[in-house]
Amino acid sequence: FRLGMSLHSLGRYSQAVEAYQKGLKINPNPQAMYNL
């Protein structure tokens, strides 16, 4: 999840999407869904 947030803040959105999706498979929380 934090990898996704860091990548998003760098403007690396496609990589952030991949990180969020992997995190959501482990813990499907609404904040991660929103950031995705």
All heavy atoms as atom14 arrays in JSON, in Angstrom:
{
  "sequence": "FRLGMSLHSLGRYSQAVEAYQKGLKINPNPQAMYNL",
  "atom14_mask": [
    [1, 1, 1, 1, 1, 1, 1, 1, 1, 1, 1, 0, 0, 0],
    [1, 1, 1, 1, 1, 1, 1, 1, 1, 1, 1, 0, 0, 0],
    [1, 1, 1, 1, 1, 1, 1, 1, 0, 0, 0, 0, 0, 0],
    [1, 1, 1, 1, 0, 0, 0, 0, 0, 0, 0, 0, 0, 0],
    [1, 1, 1, 1, 1, 1, 1, 1, 0, 0, 0, 0, 0, 0],
    [1, 1, 1, 1, 1, 1, 0, 0, 0, 0, 0, 0, 0, 0],
    [1, 1, 1, 1, 1, 1, 1, 1, 0, 0, 0, 0, 0, 0],
    [1, 1, 1, 1, 1, 1, 1, 1, 1, 1, 0, 0, 0, 0],
    [1, 1, 1, 1, 1, 1, 0, 0, 0, 0, 0, 0, 0, 0],
    [1, 1, 1, 1, 1, 1, 1, 1, 0, 0, 0, 0, 0, 0],
    [1, 1, 1, 1, 0, 0, 0, 0, 0, 0, 0, 0, 0, 0],
    [1, 1, 1, 1, 1, 1, 1, 1, 1, 1, 1, 0, 0, 0],
    [1, 1, 1, 1, 1, 1, 1, 1, 1, 1, 1, 1, 0, 0],
    [1, 1, 1, 1, 1, 1, 0, 0, 0, 0, 0, 0, 0, 0],
    [1, 1, 1, 1, 1, 1, 1, 1, 1, 0, 0, 0, 0, 0],
    [1, 1, 1, 1, 1, 0, 0, 0, 0, 0, 0, 0, 0, 0],
    [1, 1, 1, 1, 1, 1, 1, 0, 0, 0, 0, 0, 0, 0],
    [1, 1, 1, 1, 1, 1, 1, 1, 1, 0, 0, 0, 0, 0],
    [1, 1, 1, 1, 1, 0, 0, 0, 0, 0, 0, 0, 0, 0],
    [1, 1, 1, 1, 1, 1, 1, 1, 1, 1, 1, 1, 0, 0],
    [1, 1, 1, 1, 1, 1, 1, 1, 1, 0, 0, 0, 0, 0],
    [1, 1, 1, 1, 1, 1, 1, 1, 1, 0, 0, 0, 0, 0],
    [1, 1, 1, 1, 0, 0, 0, 0, 0, 0, 0, 0, 0, 0],
    [1, 1, 1, 1, 1, 1, 1, 1, 0, 0, 0, 0, 0, 0],
    [1, 1, 1, 1, 1, 1, 1, 1, 1, 0, 0, 0, 0, 0],
    [1, 1, 1, 1, 1, 1, 1, 1, 0, 0, 0, 0, 0, 0],
    [1, 1, 1, 1, 1, 1, 1, 1, 0, 0, 0, 0, 0, 0],
    [1, 1, 1, 1, 1, 1, 1, 0, 0, 0, 0, 0, 0, 0],
    [1, 1, 1, 1, 1, 1, 1, 1, 0, 0, 0, 0, 0, 0],
    [1, 1, 1, 1, 1, 1, 1, 0, 0, 0, 0, 0, 0, 0],
    [1, 1, 1, 1, 1, 1, 1, 1, 1, 0, 0, 0, 0, 0],
    [1, 1, 1, 1, 1, 0, 0, 0, 0, 0, 0, 0, 0, 0],
    [1, 1, 1, 1, 1, 1, 1, 1, 0, 0, 0, 0, 0, 0],
    [1, 1, 1, 1, 1, 1, 1, 1, 1, 1, 1, 1, 0, 0],
    [1, 1, 1, 1, 1, 1, 1, 1, 0, 0, 0, 0, 0, 0],
    [1, 1, 1, 1, 1, 1, 1, 1, 0, 0, 0, 0, 0, 0]
  ],
  "atom14_positions": [
    [[0.83, -1.2, 0.0], [0.0, 0.0, 0.0], [0.87, 1.26, 0.0], [0.64, 2.19, -0.77], [-0.91, -0.02, 1.22], [-1.86, 1.13, 1.29], [-3.02, 1.14, 0.55], [-1.58, 2.24, 2.09], [-3.89, 2.22, 0.59], [-2.44, 3.31, 2.14], [-3.6, 3.3, 1.39], [0.0, 0.0, 0.0], [0.0, 0.0, 0.0], [0.0, 0.0, 0.0]],
    [[1.88, 1.28, 0.87], [2.75, 2.46, 0.93], [3.63, 2.58, -0.31], [3.99, 3.69, -0.71], [3.58, 2.43, 2.21], [2.76, 2.76, 3.45], [3.62, 3.15, 4.61], [2.82, 3.82, 5.63], [3.34, 4.42, 6.71], [4.65, 4.41, 6.9], [2.56, 5.01, 7.59], [0.0, 0.0, 0.0], [0.0, 0.0, 0.0], [0.0, 0.0, 0.0]],
    [[3.98, 1.46, -0.89], [4.69, 1.51, -2.16], [3.81, 2.19, -3.21], [4.28, 3.06, -3.97], [5.08, 0.1, -2.61], [5.71, -0.01, -4.01], [6.98, 0.83, -4.1], [5.99, -1.48, -4.34], [0.0, 0.0, 0.0], [0.0, 0.0, 0.0], [0.0, 0.0, 0.0], [0.0, 0.0, 0.0], [0.0, 0.0, 0.0], [0.0, 0.0, 0.0]],
    [[2.55, 1.82, -3.25], [1.62, 2.45, -4.19], [1.51, 3.95, -3.97], [1.54, 4.73, -4.94], [0.0, 0.0, 0.0], [0.0, 0.0, 0.0], [0.0, 0.0, 0.0], [0.0, 0.0, 0.0], [0.0, 0.0, 0.0], [0.0, 0.0, 0.0], [0.0, 0.0, 0.0], [0.0, 0.0, 0.0], [0.0, 0.0, 0.0], [0.0, 0.0, 0.0]],
    [[1.39, 4.38, -2.72], [1.29, 5.8, -2.43], [2.55, 6.55, -2.83], [2.5, 7.67, -3.36], [1.0, 6.02, -0.94], [-0.39, 5.61, -0.51], [-0.78, 6.14, 1.18], [-0.89, 7.91, 0.97], [0.0, 0.0, 0.0], [0.0, 0.0, 0.0], [0.0, 0.0, 0.0], [0.0, 0.0, 0.0], [0.0, 0.0, 0.0], [0.0, 0.0, 0.0]],
    [[3.71, 5.94, -2.58], [4.98, 6.58, -2.94], [5.11, 6.71, -4.45], [5.51, 7.77, -4.97], [6.16, 5.76, -2.37], [6.08, 5.66, -0.96], [0.0, 0.0, 0.0], [0.0, 0.0, 0.0], [0.0, 0.0, 0.0], [0.0, 0.0, 0.0], [0.0, 0.0, 0.0], [0.0, 0.0, 0.0], [0.0, 0.0, 0.0], [0.0, 0.0, 0.0]],
    [[4.78, 5.65, -5.16], [4.85, 5.7, -6.63], [3.86, 6.71, -7.21], [4.19, 7.43, -8.16], [4.58, 4.3, -7.2], [5.65, 3.24, -6.91], [5.14, 1.86, -7.26], [6.93, 3.57, -7.7], [0.0, 0.0, 0.0], [0.0, 0.0, 0.0], [0.0, 0.0, 0.0], [0.0, 0.0, 0.0], [0.0, 0.0, 0.0], [0.0, 0.0, 0.0]],
    [[2.66, 6.75, -6.64], [1.68, 7.73, -7.12], [2.2, 9.15, -6.92], [2.05, 10.01, -7.8], [0.36, 7.54, -6.37], [-0.72, 8.45, -6.85], [-1.76, 8.02, -7.66], [-0.94, 9.78, -6.65], [-2.56, 9.04, -7.93], [-2.08, 10.12, -7.31], [0.0, 0.0, 0.0], [0.0, 0.0, 0.0], [0.0, 0.0, 0.0], [0.0, 0.0, 0.0]],
    [[2.81, 9.4, -5.78], [3.33, 10.74, -5.48], [4.47, 11.12, -6.41], [4.74, 12.31, -6.6], [3.8, 10.81, -4.02], [2.72, 10.57, -3.14], [0.0, 0.0, 0.0], [0.0, 0.0, 0.0], [0.0, 0.0, 0.0], [0.0, 0.0, 0.0], [0.0, 0.0, 0.0], [0.0, 0.0, 0.0], [0.0, 0.0, 0.0], [0.0, 0.0, 0.0]],
    [[5.11, 10.12, -7.0], [6.18, 10.37, -7.98], [5.62, 10.5, -9.4], [6.38, 10.76, -10.34], [7.19, 9.22, -7.95], [8.06, 9.12, -6.69], [8.79, 7.78, -6.66], [9.05, 10.28, -6.64], [0.0, 0.0, 0.0], [0.0, 0.0, 0.0], [0.0, 0.0, 0.0], [0.0, 0.0, 0.0], [0.0, 0.0, 0.0], [0.0, 0.0, 0.0]],
    [[4.29, 10.3, -9.56], [3.69, 10.37, -10.88], [3.85, 9.09, -11.67], [3.55, 9.07, -12.88], [0.0, 0.0, 0.0], [0.0, 0.0, 0.0], [0.0, 0.0, 0.0], [0.0, 0.0, 0.0], [0.0, 0.0, 0.0], [0.0, 0.0, 0.0], [0.0, 0.0, 0.0], [0.0, 0.0, 0.0], [0.0, 0.0, 0.0], [0.0, 0.0, 0.0]],
    [[4.25, 8.02, -11.02], [4.42, 6.72, -11.69], [3.13, 5.92, -11.48], [3.08, 4.93, -10.74], [5.65, 6.01, -11.14], [6.94, 6.74, -11.51], [8.1, 6.44, -10.58], [8.47, 5.03, -10.54], [9.46, 4.55, -9.78], [10.18, 5.39, -9.02], [9.73, 3.25, -9.78], [0.0, 0.0, 0.0], [0.0, 0.0, 0.0], [0.0, 0.0, 0.0]],
    [[2.1, 6.36, -12.15], [0.74, 5.88, -11.84], [0.52, 4.42, -12.2], [-0.15, 3.69, -11.46], [-0.29, 6.78, -12.52], [-0.13, 8.23, -12.16], [0.12, 9.2, -13.14], [-0.2, 8.65, -10.83], [0.28, 10.53, -12.81], [-0.04, 9.99, -10.49], [0.21, 10.92, -11.48], [0.38, 12.24, -11.15], [0.0, 0.0, 0.0], [0.0, 0.0, 0.0]],
    [[1.03, 3.98, -13.34], [0.8, 2.59, -13.73], [1.46, 1.63, -12.75], [0.92, 0.56, -12.43], [1.32, 2.33, -15.16], [2.71, 2.57, -15.24], [0.0, 0.0, 0.0], [0.0, 0.0, 0.0], [0.0, 0.0, 0.0], [0.0, 0.0, 0.0], [0.0, 0.0, 0.0], [0.0, 0.0, 0.0], [0.0, 0.0, 0.0], [0.0, 0.0, 0.0]],
    [[2.64, 2.0, -12.24], [3.32, 1.18, -11.25], [2.57, 1.23, -9.91], [2.5, 0.24, -9.18], [4.76, 1.65, -11.07], [5.64, 1.38, -12.28], [7.01, 2.0, -12.11], [7.18, 3.21, -12.24], [8.0, 1.17, -11.82], [0.0, 0.0, 0.0], [0.0, 0.0, 0.0], [0.0, 0.0, 0.0], [0.0, 0.0, 0.0], [0.0, 0.0, 0.0]],
    [[2.01, 2.4, -9.59], [1.21, 2.53, -8.37], [-0.01, 1.61, -8.44], [-0.37, 0.96, -7.45], [0.78, 3.98, -8.17], [0.0, 0.0, 0.0], [0.0, 0.0, 0.0], [0.0, 0.0, 0.0], [0.0, 0.0, 0.0], [0.0, 0.0, 0.0], [0.0, 0.0, 0.0], [0.0, 0.0, 0.0], [0.0, 0.0, 0.0], [0.0, 0.0, 0.0]],
    [[-0.64, 1.56, -9.6], [-1.8, 0.69, -9.79], [-1.43, -0.76, -9.5], [-2.15, -1.48, -8.8], [-2.34, 0.82, -11.24], [-3.24, -0.35, -11.59], [-3.1, 2.13, -11.4], [0.0, 0.0, 0.0], [0.0, 0.0, 0.0], [0.0, 0.0, 0.0], [0.0, 0.0, 0.0], [0.0, 0.0, 0.0], [0.0, 0.0, 0.0], [0.0, 0.0, 0.0]],
    [[-0.3, -1.19, -10.01], [0.13, -2.57, -9.8], [0.35, -2.85, -8.31], [-0.04, -3.91, -7.8], [1.43, -2.83, -10.57], [1.92, -4.27, -10.48], [3.19, -4.5, -11.28], [3.59, -3.58, -12.03], [3.76, -5.59, -11.16], [0.0, 0.0, 0.0], [0.0, 0.0, 0.0], [0.0, 0.0, 0.0], [0.0, 0.0, 0.0], [0.0, 0.0, 0.0]],
    [[0.97, -1.9, -7.61], [1.22, -2.08, -6.18], [-0.08, -2.12, -5.4], [-0.27, -2.98, -4.52], [2.11, -0.95, -5.67], [0.0, 0.0, 0.0], [0.0, 0.0, 0.0], [0.0, 0.0, 0.0], [0.0, 0.0, 0.0], [0.0, 0.0, 0.0], [0.0, 0.0, 0.0], [0.0, 0.0, 0.0], [0.0, 0.0, 0.0], [0.0, 0.0, 0.0]],
    [[-0.99, -1.2, -5.69], [-2.29, -1.2, -5.0], [-3.04, -2.51, -5.22], [-3.64, -3.07, -4.3], [-3.14, -0.04, -5.49], [-2.73, 1.31, -4.98], [-2.71, 2.42, -5.83], [-2.38, 1.51, -3.66], [-2.34, 3.67, -5.38], [-2.0, 2.77, -3.19], [-1.98, 3.84, -4.06], [-1.63, 5.09, -3.61], [0.0, 0.0, 0.0], [0.0, 0.0, 0.0]],
    [[-3.03, -2.99, -6.46], [-3.77, -4.21, -6.77], [-3.22, -5.41, -6.0], [-3.97, -6.25, -5.51], [-3.73, -4.48, -8.27], [-4.59, -3.52, -9.08], [-4.48, -3.74, -10.57], [-3.45, -4.22, -11.06], [-5.5, -3.37, -11.31], [0.0, 0.0, 0.0], [0.0, 0.0, 0.0], [0.0, 0.0, 0.0], [0.0, 0.0, 0.0], [0.0, 0.0, 0.0]],
    [[-1.9, -5.48, -5.86], [-1.31, -6.57, -5.09], [-1.66, -6.43, -3.61], [-1.93, -7.42, -2.93], [0.21, -6.59, -5.3], [0.6, -7.04, -6.71], [2.11, -7.1, -6.88], [2.46, -7.62, -8.28], [3.93, -7.68, -8.5], [0.0, 0.0, 0.0], [0.0, 0.0, 0.0], [0.0, 0.0, 0.0], [0.0, 0.0, 0.0], [0.0, 0.0, 0.0]],
    [[-1.66, -5.19, -3.14], [-2.03, -4.97, -1.75], [-3.48, -5.31, -1.47], [-3.82, -5.85, -0.42], [0.0, 0.0, 0.0], [0.0, 0.0, 0.0], [0.0, 0.0, 0.0], [0.0, 0.0, 0.0], [0.0, 0.0, 0.0], [0.0, 0.0, 0.0], [0.0, 0.0, 0.0], [0.0, 0.0, 0.0], [0.0, 0.0, 0.0], [0.0, 0.0, 0.0]],
    [[-4.35, -5.0, -2.42], [-5.78, -5.26, -2.25], [-6.1, -6.75, -2.22], [-7.08, -7.16, -1.6], [-6.57, -4.57, -3.36], [-6.77, -3.06, -3.17], [-7.28, -2.42, -4.46], [-7.74, -2.8, -2.03], [0.0, 0.0, 0.0], [0.0, 0.0, 0.0], [0.0, 0.0, 0.0], [0.0, 0.0, 0.0], [0.0, 0.0, 0.0], [0.0, 0.0, 0.0]],
    [[-5.29, -7.55, -2.87], [-5.5, -9.0, -2.82], [-5.22, -9.52, -1.41], [-5.77, -10.55, -1.01], [-4.6, -9.7, -3.84], [-5.0, -9.46, -5.28], [-4.07, -10.18, -6.24], [-4.48, -9.94, -7.69], [-3.56, -10.61, -8.65], [0.0, 0.0, 0.0], [0.0, 0.0, 0.0], [0.0, 0.0, 0.0], [0.0, 0.0, 0.0], [0.0, 0.0, 0.0]],
    [[-4.38, -8.81, -0.68], [-4.03, -9.21, 0.68], [-4.99, -8.59, 1.69], [-5.45, -9.27, 2.62], [-2.58, -8.78, 1.0], [-1.62, -9.42, 0.02], [-2.21, -9.14, 2.45], [-0.24, -8.8, 0.01], [0.0, 0.0, 0.0], [0.0, 0.0, 0.0], [0.0, 0.0, 0.0], [0.0, 0.0, 0.0], [0.0, 0.0, 0.0], [0.0, 0.0, 0.0]],
    [[-5.3, -7.32, 1.49], [-6.16, -6.61, 2.43], [-7.06, -5.65, 1.66], [-6.67, -4.53, 1.34], [-5.3, -5.82, 3.44], [-6.13, -5.22, 4.55], [-7.36, -5.21, 4.51], [-5.46, -4.7, 5.57], [0.0, 0.0, 0.0], [0.0, 0.0, 0.0], [0.0, 0.0, 0.0], [0.0, 0.0, 0.0], [0.0, 0.0, 0.0], [0.0, 0.0, 0.0]],
    [[-8.29, -6.07, 1.31], [-9.2, -5.23, 0.49], [-9.83, -4.11, 1.3], [-10.99, -4.18, 1.68], [-10.24, -6.25, 0.01], [-10.28, -7.28, 1.09], [-8.87, -7.39, 1.62], [0.0, 0.0, 0.0], [0.0, 0.0, 0.0], [0.0, 0.0, 0.0], [0.0, 0.0, 0.0], [0.0, 0.0, 0.0], [0.0, 0.0, 0.0], [0.0, 0.0, 0.0]],
    [[-9.06, -3.05, 1.56], [-9.57, -1.94, 2.35], [-10.01, -0.78, 1.46], [-9.48, -0.6, 0.36], [-8.51, -1.46, 3.34], [-7.33, -0.81, 2.64], [-7.35, 0.36, 2.32], [-6.28, -1.59, 2.38], [0.0, 0.0, 0.0], [0.0, 0.0, 0.0], [0.0, 0.0, 0.0], [0.0, 0.0, 0.0], [0.0, 0.0, 0.0], [0.0, 0.0, 0.0]],
    [[-10.98, 0.01, 1.9], [-11.55, 1.08, 1.06], [-10.59, 2.19, 0.7], [-10.69, 2.78, -0.37], [-12.73, 1.58, 1.89], [-12.46, 1.16, 3.29], [-11.71, -0.12, 3.19], [0.0, 0.0, 0.0], [0.0, 0.0, 0.0], [0.0, 0.0, 0.0], [0.0, 0.0, 0.0], [0.0, 0.0, 0.0], [0.0, 0.0, 0.0], [0.0, 0.0, 0.0]],
    [[-9.63, 2.5, 1.59], [-8.69, 3.58, 1.28], [-7.8, 3.2, 0.1], [-7.54, 4.03, -0.78], [-7.83, 3.9, 2.5], [-6.82, 5.02, 2.27], [-7.47, 6.35, 1.98], [-8.36, 6.77, 2.72], [-7.04, 7.02, 0.93], [0.0, 0.0, 0.0], [0.0, 0.0, 0.0], [0.0, 0.0, 0.0], [0.0, 0.0, 0.0], [0.0, 0.0, 0.0]],
    [[-7.35, 1.96, 0.07], [-6.54, 1.52, -1.05], [-7.35, 1.52, -2.34], [-6.84, 1.86, -3.41], [-5.97, 0.13, -0.77], [0.0, 0.0, 0.0], [0.0, 0.0, 0.0], [0.0, 0.0, 0.0], [0.0, 0.0, 0.0], [0.0, 0.0, 0.0], [0.0, 0.0, 0.0], [0.0, 0.0, 0.0], [0.0, 0.0, 0.0], [0.0, 0.0, 0.0]],
    [[-8.62, 1.16, -2.24], [-9.5, 1.2, -3.41], [-9.62, 2.62, -3.94], [-9.58, 2.85, -5.16], [-10.88, 0.66, -3.05], [-10.91, -0.8, -2.66], [-12.56, -1.31, -2.11], [-12.23, -2.98, -1.55], [0.0, 0.0, 0.0], [0.0, 0.0, 0.0], [0.0, 0.0, 0.0], [0.0, 0.0, 0.0], [0.0, 0.0, 0.0], [0.0, 0.0, 0.0]],
    [[-9.78, 3.56, -3.02], [-9.89, 4.96, -3.43], [-8.61, 5.44, -4.11], [-8.65, 6.09, -5.16], [-10.2, 5.83, -2.21], [-10.25, 7.3, -2.52], [-11.4, 7.88, -3.06], [-9.14, 8.12, -2.34], [-11.46, 9.23, -3.38], [-9.19, 9.47, -2.64], [-10.34, 10.02, -3.16], [-10.39, 11.36, -3.49], [0.0, 0.0, 0.0], [0.0, 0.0, 0.0]],
    [[-7.46, 5.12, -3.5], [-6.2, 5.56, -4.09], [-5.95, 4.9, -5.45], [-5.37, 5.51, -6.35], [-5.05, 5.26, -3.13], [-4.94, 6.31, -2.04], [-5.82, 7.16, -1.89], [-3.87, 6.25, -1.28], [0.0, 0.0, 0.0], [0.0, 0.0, 0.0], [0.0, 0.0, 0.0], [0.0, 0.0, 0.0], [0.0, 0.0, 0.0], [0.0, 0.0, 0.0]],
    [[-6.41, 3.67, -5.6], [-6.31, 3.01, -6.9], [-7.14, 3.77, -7.93], [-6.71, 3.98, -9.08], [-6.78, 1.56, -6.79], [-6.8, 0.73, -8.07], [-5.42, 0.71, -8.74], [-7.26, -0.69, -7.77], [0.0, 0.0, 0.0], [0.0, 0.0, 0.0], [0.0, 0.0, 0.0], [0.0, 0.0, 0.0], [0.0, 0.0, 0.0], [0.0, 0.0, 0.0]]
  ]
}
